[in-house]
Amino acid sequence: MSIVFSLIEEPIPSFNDEFFKNNSSLFYKQPLAPNALHVKFLIVQKEISHSQVIFDILVIIGIVLVGMLLFSYLLLKLLLKPYIETSTRMNLFFTDVMHELKTPLGIMQLNIEGLVQKYKDKRLSRTLAALSTLSTLYDDLEYLIKNKTITYTTEVLNFSTFLEDRIAYFEALSFSKEISIVAHIDPDQYVCINRIELQRIIDNNVTNAIKYSPPKTTIHVLLKEENQQLFFQVKDQGVGIKEIGKVFERHYRGDIYKGGFGIGLSIVKSICDKYNIVIEVKSEEAKGSVFSYWFKKEVEEKISPEEL
């Protein structure tokens, strides 16, 4: 077979079939009608490109994956829609309920405080103590609900006066159980924290100490400067803690008969993690527990008379 004309750079093999394939090319032979040049065949060559094949495969795979992802997203969105709507309704419901509860709780507390001061009745004192416990639980739940939706701004607070106010708040609760709170608080100690979050730390420690202590015992509260830090401690003579490692876990309760939801100390732990507050817990069954916290100390900015 002689070649009349060729643009094919590689040698053209001799083959009888319509197609011929080697390692690098594919050849196609087309018979021609009788012509003046006496050419019998037209041979066409196509280089075989593996990179093109791989690219085409990748494109197909990409299209399939994008389609699957789009389908999965639409399906997931459709399946999650009822859950999202229910969750939104529940959040709105809890927010509305918490808002509606705050006013009557405050009114009851103020009125009962007035009655206690006037009549000095133990039954009224117990009622006021129960309201204090309920108010603390309310504050914990409100913090949990709002914590994910709002930002708690920090400020420099007088820890000393803030702690004294909170201890005074729980006097009715401790009095109802005949428990004494002995406080040793260094004056004018400052810390940079959000006041609501500081209140959650103090209230949960004090209420737990009262809750788990038997009548006619003493709770010691300490606030002092130690190694350029603020050292806050609550020590009770209560039942003690069996599993100290679990005390900050959500829903853990040392004594199921004491009630509560077991969320207070988990809130305390989350706040301490947020502000890098160091926690230490010591406890001995039937002898009591000691909760210690180390805060970063802040220095009060003094304003000179000339600046006023």
Protein backbone atom coordinates (compact mmCIF):
# COMPACT_ATOMS: atom_id res chain seq x y z
CA MET A 1 0.00 0.00 0.00
CA SER A 2 1.49 3.30 -1.13
CA ILE A 3 0.66 6.69 0.37
CA VAL A 4 -0.43 9.40 -2.03
CA PHE A 5 -0.62 12.23 0.57
CA SER A 6 -0.44 12.31 4.39
CA LEU A 7 -0.54 14.81 7.25
CA ILE A 8 -0.16 12.03 9.81
CA GLU A 9 3.22 12.32 11.50
CA GLU A 10 3.52 8.78 12.82
CA PRO A 11 3.81 5.70 10.59
CA ILE A 12 0.49 4.50 9.22
CA PRO A 13 -0.01 0.80 9.95
CA SER A 14 -1.44 -1.63 7.45
CA PHE A 15 -4.81 -2.96 8.53
CA ASN A 16 -7.80 -4.61 6.85
CA ASP A 17 -10.55 -3.70 9.34
CA GLU A 18 -12.39 -0.42 9.44
CA PHE A 19 -10.70 0.61 12.73
CA PHE A 20 -7.24 0.05 14.10
CA LYS A 21 -5.93 1.04 17.53
CA ASN A 22 -2.42 1.10 18.93
CA ASN A 23 -1.03 2.53 22.18
CA SER A 24 -1.23 6.17 21.14
CA SER A 25 -3.71 6.52 18.25
CA LEU A 26 -6.94 5.37 16.74
CA PHE A 27 -7.11 4.94 12.91
CA TYR A 28 -10.21 4.90 10.77
CA LYS A 29 -10.23 3.69 7.14
CA GLN A 30 -12.94 4.88 4.73
CA PRO A 31 -13.13 3.26 1.23
CA LEU A 32 -13.38 5.78 -1.62
CA ALA A 33 -15.17 5.59 -4.96
CA PRO A 34 -13.02 5.18 -8.12
CA ASN A 35 -11.22 8.44 -8.85
CA ALA A 36 -8.58 9.94 -11.13
CA LEU A 37 -5.81 9.52 -8.53
CA HIS A 38 -6.69 5.86 -8.03
CA VAL A 39 -6.90 6.43 -4.27
CA LYS A 40 -8.76 3.59 -2.64
CA PHE A 41 -8.86 4.66 1.03
CA LEU A 42 -8.99 7.72 3.21
CA ILE A 43 -7.35 7.11 6.59
CA VAL A 44 -8.06 9.40 9.56
CA GLN A 45 -6.00 9.35 12.76
CA LYS A 46 -7.06 10.49 16.26
CA GLU A 47 -4.59 10.63 19.13
CA ILE A 48 -5.78 8.90 22.29
CA SER A 49 -5.53 11.37 25.22
CA HIS A 50 -5.84 9.75 28.66
CA SER A 51 -5.76 13.16 30.33
CA GLN A 52 -8.86 14.17 28.41
CA VAL A 53 -10.62 10.98 29.45
CA ILE A 54 -9.65 11.56 33.09
CA PHE A 55 -10.83 15.18 32.87
CA ASP A 56 -14.17 14.08 31.42
CA ILE A 57 -14.57 11.51 34.20
CA LEU A 58 -13.76 14.10 36.85
CA VAL A 59 -16.27 16.52 35.36
CA ILE A 60 -18.95 13.84 35.44
CA ILE A 61 -18.09 12.90 39.02
CA GLY A 62 -18.16 16.59 40.01
CA ILE A 63 -21.58 17.09 38.46
CA VAL A 64 -22.90 13.99 40.23
CA LEU A 65 -21.48 15.10 43.61
CA VAL A 66 -22.88 18.63 43.28
CA GLY A 67 -26.24 17.15 42.39
CA MET A 68 -26.12 14.80 45.38
CA LEU A 69 -25.13 17.65 47.73
CA LEU A 70 -27.88 19.89 46.42
CA PHE A 71 -30.42 17.09 46.76
CA SER A 72 -29.18 16.28 50.30
CA TYR A 73 -29.37 19.95 51.33
CA LEU A 74 -32.94 20.31 50.05
CA LEU A 75 -33.96 17.03 51.68
CA LEU A 76 -32.32 17.97 55.00
CA LYS A 77 -33.91 21.41 54.92
CA LEU A 78 -37.29 19.82 54.31
CA LEU A 79 -36.82 17.31 57.14
CA LEU A 80 -35.51 19.91 59.63
CA LYS A 81 -38.19 22.50 58.90
CA PRO A 82 -40.72 21.13 61.46
CA TYR A 83 -37.97 20.84 64.10
CA ILE A 84 -36.74 24.41 63.51
CA GLU A 85 -40.28 25.78 63.67
CA THR A 86 -40.96 23.84 66.90
CA SER A 87 -37.67 24.97 68.42
CA THR A 88 -38.42 28.60 67.56
CA ARG A 89 -41.89 28.38 69.09
CA MET A 90 -40.48 26.76 72.24
CA ASN A 91 -37.81 29.46 72.61
CA LEU A 92 -40.42 32.18 72.22
CA PHE A 93 -42.68 30.40 74.70
CA PHE A 94 -39.95 30.08 77.34
CA THR A 95 -38.90 33.69 76.84
CA ASP A 96 -42.48 34.88 77.28
CA VAL A 97 -43.03 32.64 80.33
CA MET A 98 -39.81 33.82 82.00
CA HIS A 99 -40.83 37.42 81.39
CA GLU A 100 -44.30 36.85 82.84
CA LEU A 101 -42.93 35.06 85.94
CA LYS A 102 -40.46 37.76 86.91
CA THR A 103 -43.03 40.38 87.94
CA PRO A 104 -45.22 38.21 90.22
CA LEU A 105 -42.12 36.68 91.84
CA GLY A 106 -40.79 40.12 92.67
CA ILE A 107 -44.15 41.31 94.00
CA MET A 108 -44.57 38.24 96.24
CA GLN A 109 -41.05 38.57 97.58
CA LEU A 110 -41.43 42.25 98.46
CA ASN A 111 -44.78 41.71 100.17
CA ILE A 112 -43.65 38.69 102.19
CA GLU A 113 -40.47 40.51 103.24
CA GLY A 114 -42.67 43.28 104.62
CA LEU A 115 -44.88 40.77 106.45
CA VAL A 116 -41.86 38.99 107.94
CA GLN A 117 -40.48 42.27 109.29
CA LYS A 118 -43.87 43.17 110.76
CA TYR A 119 -45.05 39.85 112.26
CA LYS A 120 -41.82 37.82 112.74
CA ASP A 121 -43.71 34.62 111.91
CA LYS A 122 -41.69 31.46 111.15
CA ARG A 123 -44.18 30.34 108.53
CA LEU A 124 -43.70 33.60 106.67
CA SER A 125 -39.92 33.20 106.98
CA ARG A 126 -40.12 29.73 105.45
CA THR A 127 -42.28 31.08 102.63
CA LEU A 128 -39.77 33.85 101.97
CA ALA A 129 -36.96 31.25 101.99
CA ALA A 130 -38.82 29.13 99.45
CA LEU A 131 -39.32 32.20 97.26
CA SER A 132 -35.58 32.94 97.46
CA THR A 133 -34.81 29.42 96.25
CA LEU A 134 -37.38 29.76 93.48
CA SER A 135 -35.92 33.11 92.48
CA THR A 136 -32.42 31.60 92.24
CA LEU A 137 -33.75 28.80 90.04
CA TYR A 138 -35.52 31.40 87.89
CA ASP A 139 -32.27 33.34 87.48
CA ASP A 140 -30.43 30.15 86.44
CA LEU A 141 -33.05 29.30 83.82
CA GLU A 142 -33.12 32.87 82.53
CA TYR A 143 -29.33 32.83 82.18
CA LEU A 144 -29.44 29.53 80.28
CA ILE A 145 -32.08 30.85 77.87
CA LYS A 146 -30.42 34.22 77.25
CA ASN A 147 -26.80 33.03 77.27
CA LYS A 148 -26.92 31.92 73.62
CA THR A 149 -28.76 34.96 72.32
CA ILE A 150 -27.24 37.97 74.08
CA THR A 151 -23.73 39.15 74.97
CA TYR A 152 -23.01 39.81 78.64
CA THR A 153 -20.83 42.92 78.87
CA THR A 154 -18.20 43.13 81.59
CA GLU A 155 -17.59 45.93 84.08
CA VAL A 156 -15.34 46.56 87.06
CA LEU A 157 -17.41 45.58 90.11
CA ASN A 158 -16.83 45.99 93.82
CA PHE A 159 -16.84 42.28 94.67
CA SER A 160 -16.92 43.06 98.40
CA THR A 161 -20.17 45.04 98.47
CA PHE A 162 -21.75 42.82 95.82
CA LEU A 163 -21.03 39.71 97.94
CA GLU A 164 -22.36 41.38 101.11
CA ASP A 165 -25.63 42.22 99.31
CA ARG A 166 -26.07 38.65 98.07
CA ILE A 167 -25.43 37.18 101.52
CA ALA A 168 -28.01 39.57 102.98
CA TYR A 169 -30.45 38.43 100.30
CA PHE A 170 -30.19 34.81 101.50
CA GLU A 171 -30.60 35.59 105.20
CA ALA A 172 -34.25 34.51 105.12
CA LEU A 173 -33.30 31.18 103.56
CA SER A 174 -30.54 30.49 106.08
CA PHE A 175 -32.72 31.71 108.98
CA SER A 176 -35.50 29.29 108.03
CA LYS A 177 -33.04 26.39 108.49
CA GLU A 178 -31.39 27.94 111.57
CA ILE A 179 -28.08 28.16 109.66
CA SER A 180 -25.57 30.90 110.40
CA ILE A 181 -23.56 32.57 107.64
CA VAL A 182 -20.24 33.92 108.86
CA ALA A 183 -18.59 36.19 106.31
CA HIS A 184 -15.02 37.48 106.26
CA ILE A 185 -14.87 39.95 103.39
CA ASP A 186 -11.94 42.27 102.71
CA PRO A 187 -13.31 45.70 101.72
CA ASP A 188 -12.98 47.29 98.27
CA GLN A 189 -11.92 44.25 96.27
CA TYR A 190 -12.63 44.70 92.55
CA VAL A 191 -13.10 42.25 89.70
CA CYS A 192 -13.89 42.68 85.98
CA ILE A 193 -16.91 40.54 85.16
CA ASN A 194 -20.56 40.78 84.17
CA ARG A 195 -22.70 41.35 87.29
CA ILE A 196 -25.29 38.74 86.28
CA GLU A 197 -22.58 36.10 85.86
CA LEU A 198 -20.92 37.03 89.16
CA GLN A 199 -24.33 36.72 90.81
CA ARG A 200 -24.77 33.24 89.35
CA ILE A 201 -21.45 32.14 90.87
CA ILE A 202 -22.23 33.57 94.33
CA ASP A 203 -25.90 32.55 94.48
CA ASN A 204 -25.36 28.96 93.41
CA ASN A 205 -22.57 28.42 95.93
CA VAL A 206 -24.47 30.01 98.82
CA THR A 207 -27.81 28.32 98.07
CA ASN A 208 -26.14 24.92 97.67
CA ALA A 209 -24.35 25.38 100.98
CA ILE A 210 -27.67 26.18 102.68
CA LYS A 211 -29.56 23.42 100.86
CA TYR A 212 -27.13 20.62 101.76
CA SER A 213 -26.34 21.73 105.32
CA PRO A 214 -28.25 20.43 108.35
CA PRO A 215 -29.93 22.89 110.74
CA LYS A 216 -27.89 24.73 113.36
CA THR A 217 -24.65 24.59 111.37
CA THR A 218 -22.42 27.37 110.07
CA ILE A 219 -21.47 28.44 106.56
CA HIS A 220 -18.23 30.37 106.16
CA VAL A 221 -17.85 32.82 103.26
CA LEU A 222 -14.43 34.30 102.57
CA LEU A 223 -13.21 36.98 100.18
CA LYS A 224 -9.62 38.21 100.33
CA GLU A 225 -6.63 39.11 98.20
CA GLU A 226 -4.18 36.25 97.76
CA ASN A 227 -1.07 36.28 95.55
CA GLN A 228 -2.41 39.28 93.56
CA GLN A 229 -5.66 37.41 92.95
CA LEU A 230 -9.09 37.51 94.57
CA PHE A 231 -9.80 34.39 96.60
CA PHE A 232 -13.51 33.57 97.08
CA GLN A 233 -14.52 30.58 99.18
CA VAL A 234 -17.73 29.02 100.51
CA LYS A 235 -17.36 26.37 103.20
CA ASP A 236 -20.25 24.42 104.71
CA GLN A 237 -20.83 21.63 107.25
CA GLY A 238 -23.18 19.72 105.02
CA VAL A 239 -23.58 16.17 103.73
CA GLY A 240 -20.51 16.32 101.48
CA ILE A 241 -20.16 15.20 97.87
CA LYS A 242 -19.79 11.55 96.86
CA GLU A 243 -18.52 12.16 93.32
CA ILE A 244 -16.54 15.41 93.19
CA GLY A 245 -15.57 14.80 89.53
CA LYS A 246 -19.23 14.97 88.47
CA VAL A 247 -20.33 17.94 90.56
CA PHE A 248 -20.10 20.43 87.65
CA GLU A 249 -21.89 18.16 85.16
CA ARG A 250 -25.30 19.24 83.90
CA HIS A 251 -28.21 17.64 85.84
CA TYR A 252 -25.92 16.07 88.45
CA ARG A 253 -27.37 16.25 91.97
CA GLY A 254 -25.51 15.06 95.06
CA ASP A 255 -28.78 14.26 96.80
CA ILE A 256 -31.87 13.62 94.66
CA TYR A 257 -34.12 14.20 97.67
CA LYS A 258 -33.02 17.84 97.96
CA GLY A 259 -34.76 18.78 94.71
CA GLY A 260 -33.52 21.08 91.98
CA PHE A 261 -32.49 20.42 88.40
CA GLY A 262 -28.73 20.17 88.87
CA ILE A 263 -27.97 23.06 86.50
CA GLY A 264 -26.55 25.65 88.91
CA LEU A 265 -22.97 24.43 89.20
CA SER A 266 -22.76 23.61 85.49
CA ILE A 267 -23.56 27.30 84.87
CA VAL A 268 -20.87 28.26 87.39
CA LYS A 269 -18.34 26.07 85.57
CA SER A 270 -19.17 27.58 82.17
CA ILE A 271 -18.78 31.12 83.55
CA CYS A 272 -15.46 30.24 85.22
CA ASP A 273 -14.18 28.76 81.96
CA LYS A 274 -15.20 31.95 80.17
CA TYR A 275 -13.23 34.21 82.57
CA ASN A 276 -10.36 31.76 83.32
CA ILE A 277 -11.41 31.54 86.96
CA VAL A 278 -9.64 28.68 88.73
CA ILE A 279 -11.89 26.32 90.73
CA GLU A 280 -10.99 23.95 93.55
CA VAL A 281 -13.46 21.65 95.31
CA LYS A 282 -12.77 19.70 98.49
CA SER A 283 -15.37 17.57 100.23
CA GLU A 284 -15.76 14.88 102.84
CA GLU A 285 -18.98 12.97 103.33
CA ALA A 286 -20.93 13.93 106.46
CA LYS A 287 -18.43 16.72 107.21
CA GLY A 288 -18.96 19.30 104.48
CA SER A 289 -17.62 20.83 101.29
CA VAL A 290 -15.34 23.71 100.36
CA PHE A 291 -15.67 25.52 97.03
CA SER A 292 -12.76 27.86 96.25
CA TYR A 293 -12.37 30.30 93.33
CA TRP A 294 -9.46 32.45 92.20
CA PHE A 295 -10.43 35.60 90.26
CA LYS A 296 -8.17 38.03 88.45
CA LYS A 297 -7.97 41.10 90.66
CA GLU A 298 -8.81 44.52 89.22
CA VAL A 299 -7.62 47.86 90.56
CA GLU A 300 -10.25 50.59 90.98
CA GLU A 301 -9.50 53.66 88.90
CA LYS A 302 -9.30 56.62 91.23
CA ILE A 303 -10.58 59.99 89.98
CA SER A 304 -8.75 63.00 91.29
CA PRO A 305 -10.69 66.15 92.35
CA GLU A 306 -9.08 68.08 89.47
CA GLU A 307 -10.75 65.72 86.94
CA LEU A 308 -14.23 66.33 88.30
